[in-house]
Amino acid sequence: MAPIVCIVSVRRSRGKTRLIEYLVKELKRRGMKVATIKHTSEPFDTKGKDTWRHTEAGALEVACITPRELITIRKGDASLEDGVQALHVESDIILAEGFKRSDKPKILCADSVEEVEEALRSISNIVAVSGSIVDAADQVEVLRKKHHDVNLMTPEEVVEFLRSLIVKDLLKRLPGLDCGHCKYGSCAGMAEALMEGRASLDECIVISTSISKVFIDGRMIPLSRWPQTILKEIMLGFLRSLKLKDVKLEDASKVTIEIRMKD
């Protein structure tokens, strides 16, 4: 799963959306893929709309398709984790606006020292403070004297912080095989290039040309070409021994196997 960072505040109109807009644009410009989740207290699907009527009639979930959008609506209480599971894309990082009660790392948007202190008392896992307070020299001076461990960040510094989180997560996905097939010579070399924005994960030959993948609780286990080939042939041999009836294995483009380790 991609890293998740929440952008929060203790008051409205503190620049959360504006900060997320900036972060998305900058990260995308650097080649990072970003997904966002928005928390709101206002219902999205209003009474009387056709989609509202569908859910009121008992539909478990409603998909609304427009010429430019695909929107899914599901009634009931939902958490940040539910929002993450509902995403249909693979991203490098997920930025969530709101969700103060979650246990995910949070960047606080604040205007004053008083707001920061209120947040420190009521919100867990604040890893940085941004917002208009970083431009107020008097507030910054007071905050640093009273809370020297608070990490103040400009929007540009937040971008670098998030990029470091992304790179650390990407490094976990590198095979660590040092196969020498990429132009960086080793996984450590590619990691350095990723850190500097000179490489993309697609340049890893083992990952981009893989024919078999193994995941344990969402984390890919690196396999060189030989184990990938062996795994593929073993599983295909097993499947060919089954009575597949109308399923034509030779026409399949992908086979997915899941193993539940606990009841």
C-alpha atoms as a PDB file:
ATOM      1  CA  MET A   1       0.000   0.000   0.000  1.00  0.00           C
ATOM      2  CA  ALA A   2       1.198   3.505  -0.808  1.00  0.00           C
ATOM      3  CA  PRO A   3       2.085   5.866   2.058  1.00  0.00           C
ATOM      4  CA  ILE A   4      -0.881   7.834   3.395  1.00  0.00           C
ATOM      5  CA  VAL A   5      -0.535  11.375   4.754  1.00  0.00           C
ATOM      6  CA  CYS A   6      -3.415  13.440   6.117  1.00  0.00           C
ATOM      7  CA  ILE A   7      -3.622  17.218   5.728  1.00  0.00           C
ATOM      8  CA  VAL A   8      -5.557  18.526   8.735  1.00  0.00           C
ATOM      9  CA  SER A   9      -6.464  21.688  10.655  1.00  0.00           C
ATOM     10  CA  VAL A  10      -8.394  22.651  13.761  1.00  0.00           C
ATOM     11  CA  ARG A  11     -10.280  25.446  11.954  1.00  0.00           C
ATOM     12  CA  ARG A  12     -11.894  25.842   8.573  1.00  0.00           C
ATOM     13  CA  SER A  13     -10.290  27.848   5.764  1.00  0.00           C
ATOM     14  CA  ARG A  14      -6.718  27.119   6.783  1.00  0.00           C
ATOM     15  CA  GLY A  15      -5.491  26.187   3.322  1.00  0.00           C
ATOM     16  CA  LYS A  16      -5.752  22.396   3.358  1.00  0.00           C
ATOM     17  CA  THR A  17      -7.178  22.159  -0.155  1.00  0.00           C
ATOM     18  CA  ARG A  18      -4.776  24.780  -1.472  1.00  0.00           C
ATOM     19  CA  LEU A  19      -1.819  22.878  -0.020  1.00  0.00           C
ATOM     20  CA  ILE A  20      -3.028  19.577  -1.490  1.00  0.00           C
ATOM     21  CA  GLU A  21      -3.448  21.224  -4.909  1.00  0.00           C
ATOM     22  CA  TYR A  22       0.147  22.436  -4.759  1.00  0.00           C
ATOM     23  CA  LEU A  23       1.486  19.089  -3.557  1.00  0.00           C
ATOM     24  CA  VAL A  24      -0.339  17.124  -6.241  1.00  0.00           C
ATOM     25  CA  LYS A  25       0.900  19.422  -9.009  1.00  0.00           C
ATOM     26  CA  GLU A  26       4.511  19.390  -7.793  1.00  0.00           C
ATOM     27  CA  LEU A  27       4.662  15.650  -7.152  1.00  0.00           C
ATOM     28  CA  LYS A  28       3.069  14.937 -10.521  1.00  0.00           C
ATOM     29  CA  ARG A  29       5.580  17.252 -12.197  1.00  0.00           C
ATOM     30  CA  ARG A  30       8.341  15.125 -10.678  1.00  0.00           C
ATOM     31  CA  GLY A  31       6.814  11.938 -12.039  1.00  0.00           C
ATOM     32  CA  MET A  32       5.004  10.778  -8.885  1.00  0.00           C
ATOM     33  CA  LYS A  33       1.488   9.346  -9.041  1.00  0.00           C
ATOM     34  CA  VAL A  34      -0.863  10.820  -6.430  1.00  0.00           C
ATOM     35  CA  ALA A  35      -4.346   9.842  -5.275  1.00  0.00           C
ATOM     36  CA  THR A  36      -6.420  11.953  -2.884  1.00  0.00           C
ATOM     37  CA  ILE A  37      -9.288  11.332  -0.478  1.00  0.00           C
ATOM     38  CA  LYS A  38     -11.504  14.118   0.800  1.00  0.00           C
ATOM     39  CA  HIS A  39     -13.426  14.047   4.089  1.00  0.00           C
ATOM     40  CA  THR A  40     -16.504  16.229   4.260  1.00  0.00           C
ATOM     41  CA  SER A  41     -19.374  16.619   6.693  1.00  0.00           C
ATOM     42  CA  GLU A  42     -21.788  17.415   3.868  1.00  0.00           C
ATOM     43  CA  PRO A  43     -23.525  14.579   1.985  1.00  0.00           C
ATOM     44  CA  PHE A  44     -22.328  14.224  -1.598  1.00  0.00           C
ATOM     45  CA  ASP A  45     -25.448  12.522  -2.905  1.00  0.00           C
ATOM     46  CA  THR A  46     -28.453  14.736  -2.162  1.00  0.00           C
ATOM     47  CA  LYS A  47     -32.074  13.778  -1.703  1.00  0.00           C
ATOM     48  CA  GLY A  48     -34.086  13.488  -4.871  1.00  0.00           C
ATOM     49  CA  LYS A  49     -31.229  12.730  -7.260  1.00  0.00           C
ATOM     50  CA  ASP A  50     -31.530   9.575  -9.328  1.00  0.00           C
ATOM     51  CA  THR A  51     -28.450   8.088  -7.633  1.00  0.00           C
ATOM     52  CA  TRP A  52     -29.959   8.872  -4.214  1.00  0.00           C
ATOM     53  CA  ARG A  53     -33.154   7.093  -5.283  1.00  0.00           C
ATOM     54  CA  HIS A  54     -31.121   4.047  -6.321  1.00  0.00           C
ATOM     55  CA  THR A  55     -29.470   3.740  -2.889  1.00  0.00           C
ATOM     56  CA  GLU A  56     -32.696   4.495  -1.052  1.00  0.00           C
ATOM     57  CA  ALA A  57     -34.300   1.636  -2.968  1.00  0.00           C
ATOM     58  CA  GLY A  58     -31.626  -0.695  -1.563  1.00  0.00           C
ATOM     59  CA  ALA A  59     -28.738  -0.739  -4.039  1.00  0.00           C
ATOM     60  CA  LEU A  60     -25.515  -1.795  -2.278  1.00  0.00           C
ATOM     61  CA  GLU A  61     -23.461   0.571  -4.397  1.00  0.00           C
ATOM     62  CA  VAL A  62     -24.203   2.960  -7.243  1.00  0.00           C
ATOM     63  CA  ALA A  63     -21.840   3.869 -10.073  1.00  0.00           C
ATOM     64  CA  CYS A  64     -22.575   7.125 -11.876  1.00  0.00           C
ATOM     65  CA  ILE A  65     -20.876   7.619 -15.232  1.00  0.00           C
ATOM     66  CA  THR A  66     -20.672  11.006 -16.939  1.00  0.00           C
ATOM     67  CA  PRO A  67     -18.783  11.990 -20.111  1.00  0.00           C
ATOM     68  CA  ARG A  68     -15.779  12.883 -17.904  1.00  0.00           C
ATOM     69  CA  GLU A  69     -16.221  11.087 -14.573  1.00  0.00           C
ATOM     70  CA  LEU A  70     -16.829   7.784 -12.835  1.00  0.00           C
ATOM     71  CA  ILE A  71     -18.318   8.218  -9.362  1.00  0.00           C
ATOM     72  CA  THR A  72     -19.238   5.406  -6.987  1.00  0.00           C
ATOM     73  CA  ILE A  73     -21.597   5.942  -4.061  1.00  0.00           C
ATOM     74  CA  ARG A  74     -21.945   3.616  -1.084  1.00  0.00           C
ATOM     75  CA  LYS A  75     -24.167   4.423   1.889  1.00  0.00           C
ATOM     76  CA  GLY A  76     -23.109   3.927   5.510  1.00  0.00           C
ATOM     77  CA  ASP A  77     -20.297   4.901   7.839  1.00  0.00           C
ATOM     78  CA  ALA A  78     -16.890   4.856   6.189  1.00  0.00           C
ATOM     79  CA  SER A  79     -13.327   5.265   7.417  1.00  0.00           C
ATOM     80  CA  LEU A  80     -10.144   6.448   5.762  1.00  0.00           C
ATOM     81  CA  GLU A  81      -9.235   2.789   5.217  1.00  0.00           C
ATOM     82  CA  ASP A  82     -12.542   2.270   3.387  1.00  0.00           C
ATOM     83  CA  GLY A  83     -11.668   5.202   1.151  1.00  0.00           C
ATOM     84  CA  VAL A  84      -8.258   3.725   0.407  1.00  0.00           C
ATOM     85  CA  GLN A  85      -9.788   0.364  -0.486  1.00  0.00           C
ATOM     86  CA  ALA A  86     -12.253   2.104  -2.799  1.00  0.00           C
ATOM     87  CA  LEU A  87      -9.532   3.685  -4.937  1.00  0.00           C
ATOM     88  CA  HIS A  88      -9.257   2.140  -8.401  1.00  0.00           C
ATOM     89  CA  VAL A  89      -5.716   3.271  -9.218  1.00  0.00           C
ATOM     90  CA  GLU A  90      -2.211   2.423  -8.068  1.00  0.00           C
ATOM     91  CA  SER A  91      -0.535   5.541  -6.713  1.00  0.00           C
ATOM     92  CA  ASP A  92       2.833   6.357  -5.170  1.00  0.00           C
ATOM     93  CA  ILE A  93       1.223   8.283  -2.313  1.00  0.00           C
ATOM     94  CA  ILE A  94      -2.274   9.018  -0.994  1.00  0.00           C
ATOM     95  CA  LEU A  95      -3.062  12.487   0.368  1.00  0.00           C
ATOM     96  CA  ALA A  96      -6.150  12.656   2.573  1.00  0.00           C
ATOM     97  CA  GLU A  97      -7.808  15.953   3.417  1.00  0.00           C
ATOM     98  CA  GLY A  98      -9.134  15.700   6.959  1.00  0.00           C
ATOM     99  CA  PHE A  99      -9.353  12.500   9.029  1.00  0.00           C
ATOM    100  CA  LYS A 100      -7.949  14.019  12.216  1.00  0.00           C
ATOM    101  CA  ARG A 101      -8.803  10.886  14.207  1.00  0.00           C
ATOM    102  CA  SER A 102      -6.843   8.489  12.022  1.00  0.00           C
ATOM    103  CA  ASP A 103      -3.466   7.111  13.113  1.00  0.00           C
ATOM    104  CA  LYS A 104      -1.766   8.158   9.870  1.00  0.00           C
ATOM    105  CA  PRO A 105       0.954  10.841   9.817  1.00  0.00           C
ATOM    106  CA  LYS A 106      -0.501  14.320   9.559  1.00  0.00           C
ATOM    107  CA  ILE A 107       0.562  17.723   8.305  1.00  0.00           C
ATOM    108  CA  LEU A 108      -1.194  20.510  10.175  1.00  0.00           C
ATOM    109  CA  CYS A 109      -2.281  23.693   8.422  1.00  0.00           C
ATOM    110  CA  ALA A 110      -2.432  26.488  10.993  1.00  0.00           C
ATOM    111  CA  ASP A 111      -2.515  30.274  11.268  1.00  0.00           C
ATOM    112  CA  SER A 112      -1.227  30.749  14.811  1.00  0.00           C
ATOM    113  CA  VAL A 113       0.697  29.262  17.711  1.00  0.00           C
ATOM    114  CA  GLU A 114      -2.596  28.837  19.586  1.00  0.00           C
ATOM    115  CA  GLU A 115      -3.951  26.614  16.804  1.00  0.00           C
ATOM    116  CA  VAL A 116      -0.799  24.520  16.792  1.00  0.00           C
ATOM    117  CA  GLU A 117      -0.990  24.032  20.558  1.00  0.00           C
ATOM    118  CA  GLU A 118      -4.665  23.087  20.347  1.00  0.00           C
ATOM    119  CA  ALA A 119      -3.846  20.564  17.636  1.00  0.00           C
ATOM    120  CA  LEU A 120      -0.960  19.074  19.616  1.00  0.00           C
ATOM    121  CA  ARG A 121      -3.391  18.425  22.464  1.00  0.00           C
ATOM    122  CA  SER A 122      -6.147  16.882  20.358  1.00  0.00           C
ATOM    123  CA  ILE A 123      -4.598  15.366  17.218  1.00  0.00           C
ATOM    124  CA  SER A 124      -2.111  12.492  17.168  1.00  0.00           C
ATOM    125  CA  ASN A 125       0.888  11.892  14.912  1.00  0.00           C
ATOM    126  CA  ILE A 126       1.444  15.448  13.644  1.00  0.00           C
ATOM    127  CA  VAL A 127       4.729  15.199  11.753  1.00  0.00           C
ATOM    128  CA  ALA A 128       4.860  18.740  10.379  1.00  0.00           C
ATOM    129  CA  VAL A 129       3.175  22.140  10.564  1.00  0.00           C
ATOM    130  CA  SER A 130       2.531  24.236   7.479  1.00  0.00           C
ATOM    131  CA  GLY A 131       0.032  26.881   6.430  1.00  0.00           C
ATOM    132  CA  SER A 132       0.162  30.656   6.788  1.00  0.00           C
ATOM    133  CA  ILE A 133       1.971  30.390  10.140  1.00  0.00           C
ATOM    134  CA  VAL A 134       5.263  29.620   8.362  1.00  0.00           C
ATOM    135  CA  ASP A 135       5.151  33.091   6.759  1.00  0.00           C
ATOM    136  CA  ALA A 136       4.560  34.904  10.063  1.00  0.00           C
ATOM    137  CA  ALA A 137       8.019  35.521  11.534  1.00  0.00           C
ATOM    138  CA  ASP A 138       6.698  36.477  14.982  1.00  0.00           C
ATOM    139  CA  GLN A 139       4.559  33.319  15.218  1.00  0.00           C
ATOM    140  CA  VAL A 140       7.435  31.136  14.034  1.00  0.00           C
ATOM    141  CA  GLU A 141       9.734  32.614  16.684  1.00  0.00           C
ATOM    142  CA  VAL A 142       7.218  32.014  19.469  1.00  0.00           C
ATOM    143  CA  LEU A 143       6.455  28.481  18.304  1.00  0.00           C
ATOM    144  CA  ARG A 144      10.104  27.495  18.114  1.00  0.00           C
ATOM    145  CA  LYS A 145      10.715  28.797  21.618  1.00  0.00           C
ATOM    146  CA  LYS A 146       7.709  27.011  23.114  1.00  0.00           C
ATOM    147  CA  HIS A 147       7.778  23.848  20.980  1.00  0.00           C
ATOM    148  CA  HIS A 148      11.264  23.439  19.563  1.00  0.00           C
ATOM    149  CA  ASP A 149      10.477  19.887  18.410  1.00  0.00           C
ATOM    150  CA  VAL A 150       7.665  21.008  16.073  1.00  0.00           C
ATOM    151  CA  ASN A 151       8.729  20.623  12.440  1.00  0.00           C
ATOM    152  CA  LEU A 152       7.731  23.744  10.496  1.00  0.00           C
ATOM    153  CA  MET A 153       7.620  23.279   6.716  1.00  0.00           C
ATOM    154  CA  THR A 154       6.995  25.519   3.754  1.00  0.00           C
ATOM    155  CA  PRO A 155       4.969  23.970   0.922  1.00  0.00           C
ATOM    156  CA  GLU A 156       8.236  23.344  -0.941  1.00  0.00           C
ATOM    157  CA  GLU A 157       9.662  21.521   2.084  1.00  0.00           C
ATOM    158  CA  VAL A 158       6.465  19.467   2.370  1.00  0.00           C
ATOM    159  CA  VAL A 159       6.997  18.337  -1.228  1.00  0.00           C
ATOM    160  CA  GLU A 160      10.507  17.137  -0.394  1.00  0.00           C
ATOM    161  CA  PHE A 161       9.244  15.427   2.765  1.00  0.00           C
ATOM    162  CA  LEU A 162       6.556  13.561   0.831  1.00  0.00           C
ATOM    163  CA  ARG A 163       8.998  12.650  -1.920  1.00  0.00           C
ATOM    164  CA  SER A 164      11.293  11.093   0.686  1.00  0.00           C
ATOM    165  CA  LEU A 165       8.360   9.026   1.986  1.00  0.00           C
ATOM    166  CA  ILE A 166       7.589   7.894  -1.549  1.00  0.00           C
ATOM    167  CA  VAL A 167      11.196   6.960  -2.249  1.00  0.00           C
ATOM    168  CA  LYS A 168      11.472   4.986   1.001  1.00  0.00           C
ATOM    169  CA  ASP A 169       8.342   3.084   0.023  1.00  0.00           C
ATOM    170  CA  LEU A 170       9.672   2.509  -3.501  1.00  0.00           C
ATOM    171  CA  LEU A 171      12.955   1.196  -2.130  1.00  0.00           C
ATOM    172  CA  LYS A 172      11.027  -1.551  -0.369  1.00  0.00           C
ATOM    173  CA  ARG A 173       9.760  -2.681  -3.769  1.00  0.00           C
ATOM    174  CA  LEU A 174      13.172  -2.946  -5.393  1.00  0.00           C
ATOM    175  CA  PRO A 175      14.312  -6.577  -5.684  1.00  0.00           C
ATOM    176  CA  GLY A 176      17.708  -6.130  -4.042  1.00  0.00           C
ATOM    177  CA  LEU A 177      19.150  -8.641  -6.520  1.00  0.00           C
ATOM    178  CA  ASP A 178      21.772  -6.336  -8.054  1.00  0.00           C
ATOM    179  CA  CYS A 179      21.176  -8.062 -11.381  1.00  0.00           C
ATOM    180  CA  GLY A 180      23.050  -5.349 -13.283  1.00  0.00           C
ATOM    181  CA  HIS A 181      20.455  -5.113 -16.067  1.00  0.00           C
ATOM    182  CA  CYS A 182      19.549  -1.463 -15.453  1.00  0.00           C
ATOM    183  CA  LYS A 183      21.834   1.448 -16.304  1.00  0.00           C
ATOM    184  CA  TYR A 184      22.355   2.205 -12.601  1.00  0.00           C
ATOM    185  CA  GLY A 185      24.424  -0.938 -12.009  1.00  0.00           C
ATOM    186  CA  SER A 186      22.800  -2.011  -8.755  1.00  0.00           C
ATOM    187  CA  CYS A 187      19.642  -1.601  -6.684  1.00  0.00           C
ATOM    188  CA  ALA A 188      21.511   0.883  -4.499  1.00  0.00           C
ATOM    189  CA  GLY A 189      22.391   2.857  -7.617  1.00  0.00           C
ATOM    190  CA  MET A 190      18.789   2.893  -8.742  1.00  0.00           C
ATOM    191  CA  ALA A 191      17.718   3.900  -5.228  1.00  0.00           C
ATOM    192  CA  GLU A 192      20.059   6.890  -5.446  1.00  0.00           C
ATOM    193  CA  ALA A 193      18.633   7.790  -8.847  1.00  0.00           C
ATOM    194  CA  LEU A 194      15.095   7.489  -7.507  1.00  0.00           C
ATOM    195  CA  MET A 195      15.990   9.783  -4.623  1.00  0.00           C
ATOM    196  CA  GLU A 196      17.300  12.377  -7.080  1.00  0.00           C
ATOM    197  CA  GLY A 197      14.348  12.030  -9.433  1.00  0.00           C
ATOM    198  CA  ARG A 198      16.501  10.606 -12.278  1.00  0.00           C
ATOM    199  CA  ALA A 199      14.867   7.175 -12.428  1.00  0.00           C
ATOM    200  CA  SER A 200      11.465   5.529 -12.369  1.00  0.00           C
ATOM    201  CA  LEU A 201      10.501   2.153 -10.947  1.00  0.00           C
ATOM    202  CA  ASP A 202       9.602   0.980 -14.463  1.00  0.00           C
ATOM    203  CA  GLU A 203      13.324   0.964 -15.283  1.00  0.00           C
ATOM    204  CA  CYS A 204      13.842  -2.031 -12.981  1.00  0.00           C
ATOM    205  CA  ILE A 205      14.005  -4.963 -15.410  1.00  0.00           C
ATOM    206  CA  VAL A 206      13.017  -7.540 -12.777  1.00  0.00           C
ATOM    207  CA  ILE A 207       9.846  -5.600 -11.912  1.00  0.00           C
ATOM    208  CA  SER A 208       8.831  -4.283 -15.342  1.00  0.00           C
ATOM    209  CA  THR A 209       9.309  -7.593 -17.207  1.00  0.00           C
ATOM    210  CA  SER A 210       8.205  -9.974 -14.479  1.00  0.00           C
ATOM    211  CA  ILE A 211       6.172 -13.000 -15.510  1.00  0.00           C
ATOM    212  CA  SER A 212       5.358 -14.121 -11.956  1.00  0.00           C
ATOM    213  CA  LYS A 213       4.911 -12.087  -8.793  1.00  0.00           C
ATOM    214  CA  VAL A 214       4.481 -13.088  -5.161  1.00  0.00           C
ATOM    215  CA  PHE A 215       2.905 -10.730  -2.635  1.00  0.00           C
ATOM    216  CA  ILE A 216       2.666 -11.288   1.128  1.00  0.00           C
ATOM    217  CA  ASP A 217       0.187  -8.927   2.792  1.00  0.00           C
ATOM    218  CA  GLY A 218       0.512  -6.541  -0.145  1.00  0.00           C
ATOM    219  CA  ARG A 219       4.327  -6.485  -0.214  1.00  0.00           C
ATOM    220  CA  MET A 220       6.025  -7.893  -3.278  1.00  0.00           C
ATOM    221  CA  ILE A 221       8.678 -10.541  -2.665  1.00  0.00           C
ATOM    222  CA  PRO A 222      11.543 -10.023  -5.157  1.00  0.00           C
ATOM    223  CA  LEU A 223      12.218 -12.959  -7.467  1.00  0.00           C
ATOM    224  CA  SER A 224      14.849 -13.246 -10.167  1.00  0.00           C
ATOM    225  CA  ARG A 225      13.900 -14.535 -13.616  1.00  0.00           C
ATOM    226  CA  TRP A 226      14.618 -18.204 -12.859  1.00  0.00           C
ATOM    227  CA  PRO A 227      12.334 -18.521  -9.777  1.00  0.00           C
ATOM    228  CA  GLN A 228       9.663 -16.570 -11.674  1.00  0.00           C
ATOM    229  CA  THR A 229       9.805 -19.070 -14.525  1.00  0.00           C
ATOM    230  CA  ILE A 230       9.719 -22.071 -12.175  1.00  0.00           C
ATOM    231  CA  LEU A 231       6.757 -20.639 -10.264  1.00  0.00           C
ATOM    232  CA  LYS A 232       4.854 -20.006 -13.470  1.00  0.00           C
ATOM    233  CA  GLU A 233       5.398 -23.517 -14.808  1.00  0.00           C
ATOM    234  CA  ILE A 234       4.479 -25.165 -11.463  1.00  0.00           C
ATOM    235  CA  MET A 235       1.211 -23.232 -11.203  1.00  0.00           C
ATOM    236  CA  LEU A 236       0.305 -23.780 -14.851  1.00  0.00           C
ATOM    237  CA  GLY A 237       1.001 -27.502 -14.446  1.00  0.00           C
ATOM    238  CA  PHE A 238      -1.306 -27.579 -11.422  1.00  0.00           C
ATOM    239  CA  LEU A 239      -4.060 -25.709 -13.270  1.00  0.00           C
ATOM    240  CA  ARG A 240      -3.821 -27.968 -16.303  1.00  0.00           C
ATOM    241  CA  SER A 241      -4.471 -30.940 -14.029  1.00  0.00           C
ATOM    242  CA  LEU A 242      -7.842 -29.474 -13.024  1.00  0.00           C
ATOM    243  CA  LYS A 243     -11.127 -29.867 -14.838  1.00  0.00           C
ATOM    244  CA  LEU A 244     -11.524 -26.249 -15.964  1.00  0.00           C
ATOM    245  CA  LYS A 245     -14.565 -26.947 -18.141  1.00  0.00           C
ATOM    246  CA  ASP A 246     -15.280 -23.755 -20.138  1.00  0.00           C
ATOM    247  CA  VAL A 247     -12.145 -21.929 -18.965  1.00  0.00           C
ATOM    248  CA  LYS A 248      -9.453 -21.954 -21.650  1.00  0.00           C
ATOM    249  CA  LEU A 249      -6.135 -21.565 -19.857  1.00  0.00           C
ATOM    250  CA  GLU A 250      -4.224 -20.987 -23.076  1.00  0.00           C
ATOM    251  CA  ASP A 251      -6.386 -17.920 -23.830  1.00  0.00           C
ATOM    252  CA  ALA A 252      -5.904 -16.340 -20.390  1.00  0.00           C
ATOM    253  CA  SER A 253      -3.768 -13.202 -20.083  1.00  0.00           C
ATOM    254  CA  LYS A 254      -3.336 -13.310 -16.310  1.00  0.00           C
ATOM    255  CA  VAL A 255      -3.817 -15.822 -13.489  1.00  0.00           C
ATOM    256  CA  THR A 256      -4.338 -14.653  -9.909  1.00  0.00           C
ATOM    257  CA  ILE A 257      -4.021 -17.026  -6.938  1.00  0.00           C
ATOM    258  CA  GLU A 258      -4.754 -15.980  -3.361  1.00  0.00           C
ATOM    259  CA  ILE A 259      -3.929 -18.052  -0.260  1.00  0.00           C
ATOM    260  CA  ARG A 260      -5.587 -17.226   3.042  1.00  0.00           C
ATOM    261  CA  MET A 261      -3.143 -17.903   5.868  1.00  0.00           C
ATOM    262  CA  LYS A 262      -5.621 -17.458   8.733  1.00  0.00           C
ATOM    263  CA  ASP A 263      -9.283 -18.386   9.131  1.00  0.00           C
END
